[in-house]
C-alpha atoms as a PDB file:
ATOM      1  CA  MET A   1     -27.019 -15.007 -18.197  1.00  0.00           C
ATOM      2  CA  THR A   2     -23.792 -16.330 -20.001  1.00  0.00           C
ATOM      3  CA  GLN A   3     -21.043 -18.067 -18.283  1.00  0.00           C
ATOM      4  CA  SER A   4     -18.509 -15.130 -18.642  1.00  0.00           C
ATOM      5  CA  ALA A   5     -20.968 -12.710 -17.213  1.00  0.00           C
ATOM      6  CA  SER A   6     -21.536 -15.123 -14.437  1.00  0.00           C
ATOM      7  CA  VAL A   7     -17.862 -15.288 -13.751  1.00  0.00           C
ATOM      8  CA  GLN A   8     -17.379 -11.629 -13.954  1.00  0.00           C
ATOM      9  CA  THR A   9     -20.115 -11.036 -11.303  1.00  0.00           C
ATOM     10  CA  SER A  10     -18.469 -13.623  -9.087  1.00  0.00           C
ATOM     11  CA  ASP A  11     -15.103 -11.950  -9.436  1.00  0.00           C
ATOM     12  CA  GLY A  12     -16.576  -8.635  -8.608  1.00  0.00           C
ATOM     13  CA  ALA A  13     -18.304  -9.914  -5.586  1.00  0.00           C
ATOM     14  CA  LEU A  14     -15.044 -11.538  -4.397  1.00  0.00           C
ATOM     15  CA  THR A  15     -13.022  -8.351  -5.012  1.00  0.00           C
ATOM     16  CA  SER A  16     -15.793  -6.352  -3.110  1.00  0.00           C
ATOM     17  CA  GLY A  17     -15.674  -8.817  -0.065  1.00  0.00           C
ATOM     18  CA  ALA A  18     -11.875  -9.037   0.125  1.00  0.00           C
ATOM     19  CA  VAL A  19     -11.098  -5.310  -0.313  1.00  0.00           C
ATOM     20  CA  LYS A  20     -13.994  -4.059   1.845  1.00  0.00           C
ATOM     21  CA  ARG A  21     -13.164  -6.295   4.678  1.00  0.00           C
ATOM     22  CA  VAL A  22      -9.460  -5.220   4.730  1.00  0.00           C
ATOM     23  CA  ARG A  23     -10.254  -1.556   4.389  1.00  0.00           C
ATOM     24  CA  LEU A  24     -12.756  -1.669   7.322  1.00  0.00           C
ATOM     25  CA  ARG A  25     -10.334  -3.664   9.388  1.00  0.00           C
ATOM     26  CA  ARG A  26      -7.938  -0.850   9.077  1.00  0.00           C
ATOM     27  CA  GLY A  27     -10.541   1.549   9.942  1.00  0.00           C
ATOM     28  CA  LEU A  28     -10.038   3.575   6.862  1.00  0.00           C
ATOM     29  CA  THR A  29     -12.666   5.438   4.988  1.00  0.00           C
ATOM     30  CA  ALA A  30     -13.269   4.985   1.032  1.00  0.00           C
ATOM     31  CA  GLN A  31     -12.233   8.746   0.644  1.00  0.00           C
ATOM     32  CA  THR A  32      -9.094   8.281   2.551  1.00  0.00           C
ATOM     33  CA  VAL A  33      -7.891   4.902   0.702  1.00  0.00           C
ATOM     34  CA  ALA A  34      -9.055   6.590  -2.682  1.00  0.00           C
ATOM     35  CA  GLU A  35      -6.689   9.723  -1.838  1.00  0.00           C
ATOM     36  CA  ARG A  36      -3.731   7.508  -0.740  1.00  0.00           C
ATOM     37  CA  MET A  37      -4.198   5.288  -3.841  1.00  0.00           C
ATOM     38  CA  ASN A  38      -4.147   8.769  -5.960  1.00  0.00           C
ATOM     39  CA  VAL A  39      -7.654   7.718  -7.602  1.00  0.00           C
ATOM     40  CA  THR A  40     -10.799   9.371  -7.789  1.00  0.00           C
ATOM     41  CA  LEU A  41     -13.405   8.419  -4.989  1.00  0.00           C
ATOM     42  CA  ARG A  42     -15.691   7.135  -7.802  1.00  0.00           C
ATOM     43  CA  THR A  43     -12.970   4.954  -9.228  1.00  0.00           C
ATOM     44  CA  TYR A  44     -12.212   3.481  -5.740  1.00  0.00           C
ATOM     45  CA  GLU A  45     -15.782   2.902  -5.050  1.00  0.00           C
ATOM     46  CA  ARG A  46     -15.992   1.027  -8.475  1.00  0.00           C
ATOM     47  CA  PHE A  47     -13.036  -1.028  -7.575  1.00  0.00           C
ATOM     48  CA  GLU A  48     -14.170  -1.866  -4.136  1.00  0.00           C
ATOM     49  CA  ALA A  49     -17.537  -2.753  -5.400  1.00  0.00           C
ATOM     50  CA  GLY A  50     -16.058  -5.153  -7.925  1.00  0.00           C
ATOM     51  CA  ARG A  51     -17.692  -2.971 -10.781  1.00  0.00           C
ATOM     52  CA  MET A  52     -14.314  -2.883 -12.773  1.00  0.00           C
ATOM     53  CA  ARG A  53     -12.047  -5.291 -14.559  1.00  0.00           C
ATOM     54  CA  LEU A  54      -9.342  -6.758 -12.106  1.00  0.00           C
ATOM     55  CA  ASN A  55      -6.297  -4.431 -12.016  1.00  0.00           C
ATOM     56  CA  PRO A  56      -3.045  -5.520 -10.703  1.00  0.00           C
ATOM     57  CA  ASP A  57      -1.886  -1.813 -10.410  1.00  0.00           C
ATOM     58  CA  LEU A  58      -4.964  -0.921  -8.234  1.00  0.00           C
ATOM     59  CA  ILE A  59      -4.566  -4.160  -6.066  1.00  0.00           C
ATOM     60  CA  ARG A  60      -1.015  -3.264  -5.422  1.00  0.00           C
ATOM     61  CA  ARG A  61      -1.755   0.319  -4.546  1.00  0.00           C
ATOM     62  CA  PHE A  62      -4.587  -0.814  -2.332  1.00  0.00           C
ATOM     63  CA  ALA A  63      -2.383  -3.260  -0.483  1.00  0.00           C
ATOM     64  CA  ARG A  64       0.350  -0.664   0.047  1.00  0.00           C
ATOM     65  CA  VAL A  65      -1.985   1.878   1.389  1.00  0.00           C
ATOM     66  CA  THR A  66      -3.862  -0.459   3.638  1.00  0.00           C
ATOM     67  CA  ASP A  67      -0.358  -2.217   4.679  1.00  0.00           C
ATOM     68  CA  SER A  68      -1.968  -5.690   3.568  1.00  0.00           C
ATOM     69  CA  ASP A  69      -0.825  -8.621   1.532  1.00  0.00           C
ATOM     70  CA  PRO A  70      -1.497  -7.902  -2.211  1.00  0.00           C
ATOM     71  CA  HIS A  71      -0.983 -11.758  -2.969  1.00  0.00           C
ATOM     72  CA  ALA A  72      -3.423 -12.621  -0.497  1.00  0.00           C
ATOM     73  CA  LEU A  73      -5.972 -10.316  -2.329  1.00  0.00           C
ATOM     74  CA  TRP A  74      -5.293 -12.200  -5.614  1.00  0.00           C
ATOM     75  CA  MET A  75      -5.293 -15.502  -3.971  1.00  0.00           C
ATOM     76  CA  SER A  76      -8.518 -14.816  -2.332  1.00  0.00           C
ATOM     77  CA  LEU A  77      -9.994 -14.100  -5.676  1.00  0.00           C
ATOM     78  CA  LEU A  78      -8.711 -17.203  -7.144  1.00  0.00           C
ATOM     79  CA  LEU A  79      -9.828 -19.492  -4.243  1.00  0.00           C
ATOM     80  CA  ASP A  80     -13.177 -18.012  -3.825  1.00  0.00           C
ATOM     81  CA  ALA A  81     -12.231 -17.046  -0.109  1.00  0.00           C
ATOM     82  CA  PRO A  82     -12.417 -13.334   0.521  1.00  0.00           C
ATOM     83  CA  ASP A  83     -11.610 -13.888   4.292  1.00  0.00           C
ATOM     84  CA  LEU A  84      -8.269 -15.031   3.222  1.00  0.00           C
ATOM     85  CA  ALA A  85      -7.165 -11.502   2.258  1.00  0.00           C
ATOM     86  CA  LEU A  86      -8.240 -10.310   5.736  1.00  0.00           C
ATOM     87  CA  HIS A  87      -6.702 -13.122   7.890  1.00  0.00           C
ATOM     88  CA  SER A  88      -3.311 -12.817   6.165  1.00  0.00           C
ATOM     89  CA  ALA A  89      -3.325  -8.982   5.740  1.00  0.00           C
ATOM     90  CA  ASP A  90      -0.797  -8.667   8.725  1.00  0.00           C
ATOM     91  CA  ASN A  91       1.534 -11.572   8.345  1.00  0.00           C
ATOM     92  CA  GLN A  92       1.922 -11.557   4.482  1.00  0.00           C
ATOM     93  CA  PHE A  93       1.064 -15.296   4.321  1.00  0.00           C
ATOM     94  CA  ALA A  94       0.455 -15.305   0.580  1.00  0.00           C
ATOM     95  CA  THR A  95       3.583 -13.277  -0.178  1.00  0.00           C
ATOM     96  CA  VAL A  96       5.638 -15.653   1.872  1.00  0.00           C
ATOM     97  CA  LEU A  97       4.239 -18.550  -0.088  1.00  0.00           C
ATOM     98  CA  MET A  98       4.797 -16.922  -3.544  1.00  0.00           C
ATOM     99  CA  SER A  99       8.289 -15.837  -2.664  1.00  0.00           C
ATOM    100  CA  ALA A 100       9.078 -19.353  -1.271  1.00  0.00           C
ATOM    101  CA  THR A 101       7.786 -20.950  -4.388  1.00  0.00           C
ATOM    102  CA  LEU A 102       9.904 -18.710  -6.724  1.00  0.00           C
ATOM    103  CA  LYS A 103      13.012 -19.468  -4.707  1.00  0.00           C
ATOM    104  CA  PHE A 104      12.308 -23.108  -4.844  1.00  0.00           C
ATOM    105  CA  GLU A 105      11.897 -23.198  -8.411  1.00  0.00           C
ATOM    106  CA  ALA A 106      14.979 -21.163  -9.216  1.00  0.00           C
ATOM    107  CA  ARG A 107      16.855 -23.624  -6.732  1.00  0.00           C
ATOM    108  CA  VAL A 108      15.460 -26.903  -8.440  1.00  0.00           C
ATOM    109  CA  GLY A 109      14.644 -25.771 -11.924  1.00  0.00           C
ATOM    110  CA  PRO A 110      13.826 -28.611 -14.430  1.00  0.00           C
ATOM    111  CA  ARG A 111      14.294 -30.988 -11.503  1.00  0.00           C
ATOM    112  CA  LEU A 112      10.884 -29.772 -10.355  1.00  0.00           C
ATOM    113  CA  ALA A 113       9.293 -32.005 -13.020  1.00  0.00           C
ATOM    114  CA  ARG A 114      10.630 -35.071 -11.210  1.00  0.00           C
ATOM    115  CA  LEU A 115       8.800 -34.558  -8.154  1.00  0.00           C
ATOM    116  CA  SER A 116       5.817 -36.762  -7.759  1.00  0.00           C
ATOM    117  CA  THR A 117       2.442 -35.402  -6.996  1.00  0.00           C
ATOM    118  CA  ARG A 118       2.412 -37.503  -3.833  1.00  0.00           C
ATOM    119  CA  ALA A 119       5.629 -36.010  -2.515  1.00  0.00           C
ATOM    120  CA  ILE A 120       4.364 -32.434  -3.168  1.00  0.00           C
ATOM    121  CA  ILE A 121       1.021 -33.344  -1.465  1.00  0.00           C
ATOM    122  CA  ASP A 122       2.884 -34.859   1.598  1.00  0.00           C
ATOM    123  CA  ALA A 123       5.235 -31.945   1.855  1.00  0.00           C
ATOM    124  CA  VAL A 124       2.509 -29.199   1.673  1.00  0.00           C
ATOM    125  CA  VAL A 125       0.177 -30.901   4.045  1.00  0.00           C
ATOM    126  CA  ALA A 126       2.921 -31.439   6.577  1.00  0.00           C
ATOM    127  CA  MET A 127       3.766 -27.791   6.354  1.00  0.00           C
ATOM    128  CA  TYR A 128       0.123 -26.645   6.585  1.00  0.00           C
ATOM    129  CA  ASP A 129      -0.430 -29.045   9.645  1.00  0.00           C
ATOM    130  CA  GLY A 130       2.801 -27.617  11.370  1.00  0.00           C
ATOM    131  CA  LEU A 131       1.407 -23.995  10.771  1.00  0.00           C
ATOM    132  CA  ALA A 132      -2.083 -24.991  12.111  1.00  0.00           C
ATOM    133  CA  GLN A 133      -0.573 -26.520  15.153  1.00  0.00           C
ATOM    134  CA  GLN A 134       1.468 -23.172  15.684  1.00  0.00           C
ATOM    135  CA  ALA A 135      -1.819 -21.151  14.958  1.00  0.00           C
ATOM    136  CA  GLU A 136      -3.578 -23.264  17.854  1.00  0.00           C
ATOM    137  CA  ASP A 137      -0.571 -22.911  20.312  1.00  0.00           C
ATOM    138  CA  PRO A 138      -1.598 -20.664  23.235  1.00  0.00           C
ATOM    139  CA  THR A 139       2.016 -20.252  24.244  1.00  0.00           C
ATOM    140  CA  VAL A 140       2.595 -17.977  21.254  1.00  0.00           C
ATOM    141  CA  ALA A 141      -0.236 -15.454  22.328  1.00  0.00           C
ATOM    142  CA  GLN A 142       0.867 -15.783  25.822  1.00  0.00           C
ATOM    143  CA  TRP A 143       4.490 -14.822  25.013  1.00  0.00           C
ATOM    144  CA  LEU A 144       3.364 -11.875  23.001  1.00  0.00           C
ATOM    145  CA  ASN A 145       1.268 -10.594  25.880  1.00  0.00           C
ATOM    146  CA  GLU A 146       4.060 -11.134  28.391  1.00  0.00           C
ATOM    147  CA  SER A 147       6.513  -9.278  25.968  1.00  0.00           C
ATOM    148  CA  GLY A 148       4.281  -6.438  25.566  1.00  0.00           C
ATOM    149  CA  ARG A 149       3.998  -6.002  29.309  1.00  0.00           C
ATOM    150  CA  ASP A 150       7.815  -6.300  29.641  1.00  0.00           C
ATOM    151  CA  LEU A 151       8.294  -3.694  26.888  1.00  0.00           C
ATOM    152  CA  ALA A 152       5.576  -1.368  28.577  1.00  0.00           C
ATOM    153  CA  ALA A 153       7.263  -1.742  32.002  1.00  0.00           C
ATOM    154  CA  ALA A 154      10.589  -0.850  30.670  1.00  0.00           C
ATOM    155  CA  ARG A 155       9.520   2.323  28.935  1.00  0.00           C
ATOM    156  CA  PRO A 156      10.650   5.319  30.517  1.00  0.00           C
ATOM    157  CA  GLN A 157       7.859   7.091  32.340  1.00  0.00           C
ATOM    158  CA  SER A 158       6.889  10.519  31.549  1.00  0.00           C
ATOM    159  CA  THR A 159       7.847  13.231  33.965  1.00  0.00           C
ATOM    160  CA  ARG A 160       4.935  15.499  32.845  1.00  0.00           C
ATOM    161  CA  LYS A 161       1.899  15.870  34.892  1.00  0.00           C
ATOM    162  CA  PRO A 162      -1.400  14.928  33.525  1.00  0.00           C
END
């Protein structure tokens, strides 16, 4: 097998893993996703199975239909990490990173070249360490649970009898 065929197979498997995980998490059938993407079921099945060339338009359509992060889908392929697309589908993690990077580049422009690799590593590691600490913080989940209960309690009760 040639190296390019090996890479293609790997990309296909990654596409399949990321896309299928997100679709299943959303509780959608392949038929439903295909219809909402405005493609035939066969085209969608080939896309989900990773049997077609990577297509930015299909990835954007899939992300829109599944309300997931299109940049996380791409990033999961680049990093060989299909679960990344699933884990960041709701919080738009990769889109936030990409957007912040664009804004940063626009702000510093050519001065970006003056930054040392060490400074970039230190800043990025600090950012990820802070995020990891927040992800492990049980008070966030507790706050969300309490807030949800408060909202439910404040909701007007139905006057209809069951």
